[in-house]
Protein backbone atom coordinates (compact mmCIF):
# COMPACT_ATOMS: atom_id res chain seq x y z
CA MET A 1 -21.07 15.21 3.78
CA PRO A 2 -21.01 12.02 5.90
CA LYS A 3 -17.97 9.83 5.38
CA LEU A 4 -18.50 6.76 3.25
CA SER A 5 -16.64 4.69 5.81
CA SER A 6 -19.40 5.38 8.35
CA ARG A 7 -22.01 3.67 6.19
CA GLY A 8 -20.57 0.21 6.71
CA LYS A 9 -22.87 -2.54 5.47
CA THR A 10 -24.91 -0.23 3.23
CA LEU A 11 -22.02 0.58 0.88
CA ARG A 12 -22.52 -0.52 -2.73
CA PRO A 13 -20.04 -0.87 -5.61
CA GLU A 14 -21.80 1.94 -7.47
CA ASP A 15 -20.86 4.32 -4.64
CA PHE A 16 -17.26 4.17 -5.86
CA LYS A 17 -15.22 4.76 -9.03
CA TYR A 18 -12.03 2.80 -8.45
CA TYR A 19 -11.04 -0.35 -6.55
CA LEU A 20 -14.13 -0.41 -4.30
CA ASN A 21 -16.31 -0.46 -7.40
CA ASP A 22 -15.30 -4.13 -7.50
CA ILE A 23 -17.67 -6.30 -5.47
CA VAL A 24 -14.86 -8.54 -4.19
CA ASN A 25 -12.72 -5.64 -2.99
CA LEU A 26 -15.73 -4.00 -1.39
CA GLY A 27 -16.60 -7.25 0.35
CA CYS A 28 -13.08 -7.41 1.78
CA TYR A 29 -13.37 -3.79 2.92
CA LYS A 30 -16.65 -4.54 4.69
CA ALA A 31 -15.06 -7.57 6.34
CA ILE A 32 -12.37 -5.34 7.86
CA ASN A 33 -15.10 -3.14 9.34
CA ARG A 34 -16.95 -5.98 11.04
CA ALA A 35 -16.69 -6.24 14.80
CA GLY A 36 -13.98 -8.70 15.78
CA SER A 37 -12.17 -8.60 12.44
CA THR A 38 -8.49 -9.53 12.47
CA GLU A 39 -5.32 -8.88 10.51
CA ASP A 40 -6.41 -11.65 8.13
CA GLU A 41 -9.16 -9.45 6.73
CA VAL A 42 -6.72 -6.59 6.20
CA ASP A 43 -4.29 -8.92 4.44
CA ALA A 44 -7.04 -10.36 2.24
CA PHE A 45 -7.94 -6.89 1.00
CA TYR A 46 -4.38 -5.88 0.12
CA THR A 47 -3.51 -9.19 -1.51
CA GLY A 48 -6.32 -8.70 -4.02
CA PHE A 49 -5.74 -4.98 -4.31
CA LEU A 50 -2.09 -5.39 -5.28
CA ALA A 51 -3.10 -7.59 -8.21
CA ASP A 52 -5.37 -4.76 -9.40
CA VAL A 53 -2.47 -2.30 -9.35
CA PHE A 54 0.25 -4.52 -10.86
CA LEU A 55 -1.70 -6.08 -13.72
CA LYS A 56 -0.48 -9.34 -15.21
CA LYS A 57 -1.68 -8.29 -18.67
CA ASN A 58 0.72 -5.34 -18.49
CA GLY A 59 3.70 -7.56 -17.81
CA TRP A 60 3.80 -7.48 -14.01
CA VAL A 61 4.61 -10.54 -11.95
CA ILE A 62 3.94 -10.59 -8.20
CA HIS A 63 5.95 -12.93 -5.98
CA ALA A 64 4.71 -13.63 -2.47
CA GLN A 65 7.91 -15.10 -1.10
CA THR A 66 9.44 -14.04 2.16
CA ARG A 67 13.17 -13.86 1.49
CA ALA A 68 14.53 -12.19 4.55
CA GLY A 69 17.10 -14.93 5.08
CA ARG A 70 16.26 -15.31 8.74
CA THR A 71 13.18 -15.88 10.81
CA LEU A 72 11.58 -12.81 12.30
CA VAL A 73 8.66 -12.98 14.71
CA LYS A 74 6.72 -10.45 12.69
CA ILE A 75 3.71 -12.42 11.50
CA ASP A 76 1.84 -9.30 10.36
CA VAL A 77 4.49 -8.23 7.84
CA ARG A 78 3.82 -9.13 4.21
CA VAL A 79 6.45 -9.01 1.49
CA ARG A 80 5.65 -8.76 -2.21
CA TRP A 81 8.26 -8.74 -4.95
CA VAL A 82 7.05 -7.19 -8.20
CA ARG A 83 8.81 -7.60 -11.52
CA LEU A 84 8.07 -5.93 -14.85
CA GLN A 85 8.84 -7.84 -18.05
CA GLY A 86 12.04 -9.36 -16.74
CA ALA A 87 13.41 -6.12 -15.30
CA GLN A 88 14.94 -5.91 -11.85
CA THR A 89 12.66 -6.90 -9.02
CA ALA A 90 11.30 -4.23 -6.69
CA VAL A 91 10.06 -4.88 -3.17
CA ILE A 92 6.95 -3.69 -1.39
CA LEU A 93 6.41 -4.52 2.26
CA TRP A 94 3.41 -3.82 4.40
CA GLU A 95 2.42 -4.23 8.01
CA ASN A 96 -1.18 -5.10 8.82
CA LYS A 97 -3.01 -4.46 12.07
CA ARG A 98 -6.63 -5.05 12.97
CA ARG A 99 -9.33 -2.40 12.83
CA GLU A 100 -9.82 -2.10 16.58
CA LEU A 101 -6.30 -0.66 16.86
CA GLU A 102 -6.82 2.23 14.41
CA SER A 103 -6.80 4.94 17.08
CA ASP A 104 -3.80 3.62 19.04
CA SER A 105 -0.79 5.78 18.12
CA SER A 106 1.61 3.32 19.74
CA VAL A 107 0.40 0.61 17.36
CA TRP A 108 1.22 2.80 14.35
CA ALA A 109 4.70 3.51 15.68
CA GLU A 110 5.36 -0.14 16.49
CA ALA A 111 4.08 -1.27 13.10
CA LEU A 112 6.46 1.06 11.28
CA GLU A 113 9.36 -0.11 13.42
CA GLN A 114 8.55 -3.73 12.64
CA VAL A 115 8.20 -3.32 8.91
CA VAL A 116 11.46 -1.33 8.74
CA GLU A 117 13.26 -4.08 10.62
CA TYR A 118 11.93 -6.63 8.18
CA ALA A 119 12.77 -4.45 5.18
CA ASP A 120 16.34 -4.12 6.38
CA ALA A 121 16.59 -7.91 6.62
CA VAL A 122 15.19 -8.30 3.10
CA ARG A 123 17.68 -5.78 1.77
CA CYS A 124 20.62 -7.51 3.44
CA ASN A 125 19.66 -11.04 2.43
CA GLY A 126 17.57 -10.79 -0.71
CA PRO A 127 19.72 -12.06 -3.60
CA GLU A 128 17.91 -9.87 -6.14
CA GLN A 129 17.87 -6.70 -4.06
CA ASP A 130 20.12 -3.78 -4.92
CA ALA A 131 20.82 -2.02 -1.61
CA SER A 132 21.05 1.32 -3.38
CA LYS A 133 17.41 1.10 -4.47
CA PRO A 134 14.53 2.24 -2.25
CA LEU A 135 12.07 -0.13 -0.64
CA TYR A 136 8.41 0.86 -0.47
CA LEU A 137 6.47 0.33 2.73
CA THR A 138 2.92 0.84 3.94
CA VAL A 139 1.46 0.58 7.41
CA ASN A 140 -2.16 -0.54 7.28
CA VAL A 141 -4.25 -0.45 10.43
CA GLY A 142 -7.83 -1.46 9.77
CA THR A 143 -9.03 0.63 6.83
CA TYR A 144 -6.35 3.33 7.21
CA LEU A 145 -2.93 3.36 5.58
CA ARG A 146 0.18 5.49 5.36
CA PHE A 147 2.94 5.31 2.75
CA TYR A 148 6.65 5.19 3.56
CA GLU A 149 9.93 4.72 1.75
CA LEU A 150 13.18 3.20 2.93
CA PRO A 151 15.84 5.07 0.91
CA GLY A 152 18.74 3.22 -0.63
CA LEU A 153 21.59 2.41 1.78
CA SER A 154 19.49 3.59 4.74
CA ASN A 155 17.56 1.87 7.52
CA VAL A 156 15.57 4.98 8.48
CA ALA A 157 12.12 5.18 6.91
CA LYS A 158 10.64 8.44 5.70
CA ASP A 159 7.25 9.40 4.36
CA TRP A 160 6.92 8.63 0.67
CA ALA A 161 6.92 12.15 -0.76
CA PRO A 162 3.92 11.93 -3.13
CA ALA A 163 1.66 10.88 -0.23
CA LYS A 164 2.79 13.87 1.86
CA GLY A 165 2.80 12.02 5.17
CA LYS A 166 -0.99 11.79 5.29
CA LEU A 167 -3.19 9.08 6.66
CA TYR A 168 -5.65 7.73 4.08
CA GLU A 169 -8.92 5.83 4.54
CA LEU A 170 -9.72 3.24 1.89
CA ALA A 171 -13.29 4.40 1.24
CA ASP A 172 -13.20 8.09 2.10
CA ASP A 173 -9.97 8.65 0.16
CA GLU A 174 -10.48 6.04 -2.55
CA GLU A 175 -9.43 8.29 -5.44
CA ALA A 176 -6.26 9.49 -3.72
CA VAL A 177 -5.27 5.98 -2.61
CA TRP A 178 -5.78 4.57 -6.10
CA LYS A 179 -3.78 7.30 -7.77
CA LEU A 180 -0.96 7.07 -5.26
CA TRP A 181 -0.60 3.33 -5.75
CA ASN A 182 -0.59 3.83 -9.51
CA ARG A 183 2.06 6.51 -9.08
CA LEU A 184 4.09 4.02 -7.06
CA ARG A 185 3.77 1.44 -9.82
CA ARG A 186 4.89 4.00 -12.40
CA ASP A 187 7.93 4.95 -10.31
CA ILE A 188 8.89 1.31 -9.84
CA GLY A 189 8.52 0.63 -13.55
CA SER A 190 10.63 3.63 -14.49
CA ALA A 191 13.36 2.75 -12.00
CA ALA A 192 13.45 -0.82 -13.27
CA GLY A 193 13.85 0.32 -16.83
CA GLY A 194 10.54 -1.18 -17.92
CA LYS A 195 8.44 0.46 -20.58
CA ARG A 196 5.68 2.81 -19.48
CA HIS A 197 2.07 2.03 -20.15
CA LEU A 198 -0.42 4.43 -21.68
CA GLU A 199 -2.18 5.04 -18.39
CA ASP A 200 1.05 6.39 -16.91
CA GLU A 201 0.75 9.53 -19.04
CA ARG A 202 -2.72 10.10 -17.65
CA MET A 203 -1.27 9.66 -14.17
CA LYS A 204 0.64 12.93 -14.51
CA GLY A 205 -2.62 14.83 -14.84
CA TRP A 206 -4.21 12.90 -12.01
CA MET A 207 -1.37 13.62 -9.63
CA ALA A 208 -1.39 17.32 -10.53
CA LYS A 209 -5.10 17.42 -9.75
CA LEU A 210 -4.54 15.57 -6.49
CA ASP A 211 -1.91 18.11 -5.47
CA ALA A 212 -4.21 21.02 -6.29
CA ASP A 213 -7.38 19.67 -4.71
CA SER A 214 -8.31 20.33 -1.15
CA VAL A 215 -8.37 16.84 0.35
CA ALA A 216 -11.35 16.19 2.63
CA THR A 217 -10.68 16.46 6.33
CA ARG A 218 -9.15 13.29 7.69
CA LYS A 219 -7.12 12.14 10.64
CA GLU A 220 -3.57 13.46 10.28
CA THR A 221 -2.32 11.93 13.49
CA LEU A 222 -3.90 9.46 15.85
């Protein structure tokens, strides 16, 4: 079956079941795929996407402050602080790169290095950050992403275990990406002591299915 990502402009919301079923998110995805697109298009997609994962009606607050405590020349790093019903704040950082760099392995390596450097600065200088807690990172190059975790009291990133070190494409792997982000939200909520939502129980079944399914062939390394 041809990959959805290869259809470009012809994609429609009804082709999808999750976040790309939304016309705004799909428009942002298409913008990333246009020739000459920049990091701004990647950032626009994830800014809206994060609000779909951490819903205000469920008690989540998203802060877009950069609180590293010092200036870093890392303009492509985005920091989001998420808080659930007054519980301790968790931090998600991501590094965005433009679509034309998707196949450059050195870009992926550099992006991870940069976001880890920034995460370490946030941990050291963020007044609300408990250094024993993990930080969650993603590297997003064009329409591909990979999940990482910076363990507590460590400055060495590792693959976030539920994502199994795989590279995901936003359209081709829409179901897996959506469920992984929801798993991340559930883990953050549990660690912060916040109450679970009803959909979190369903997430257990989804993740079991994801583990059992044979994921469609994708790029494992670039």
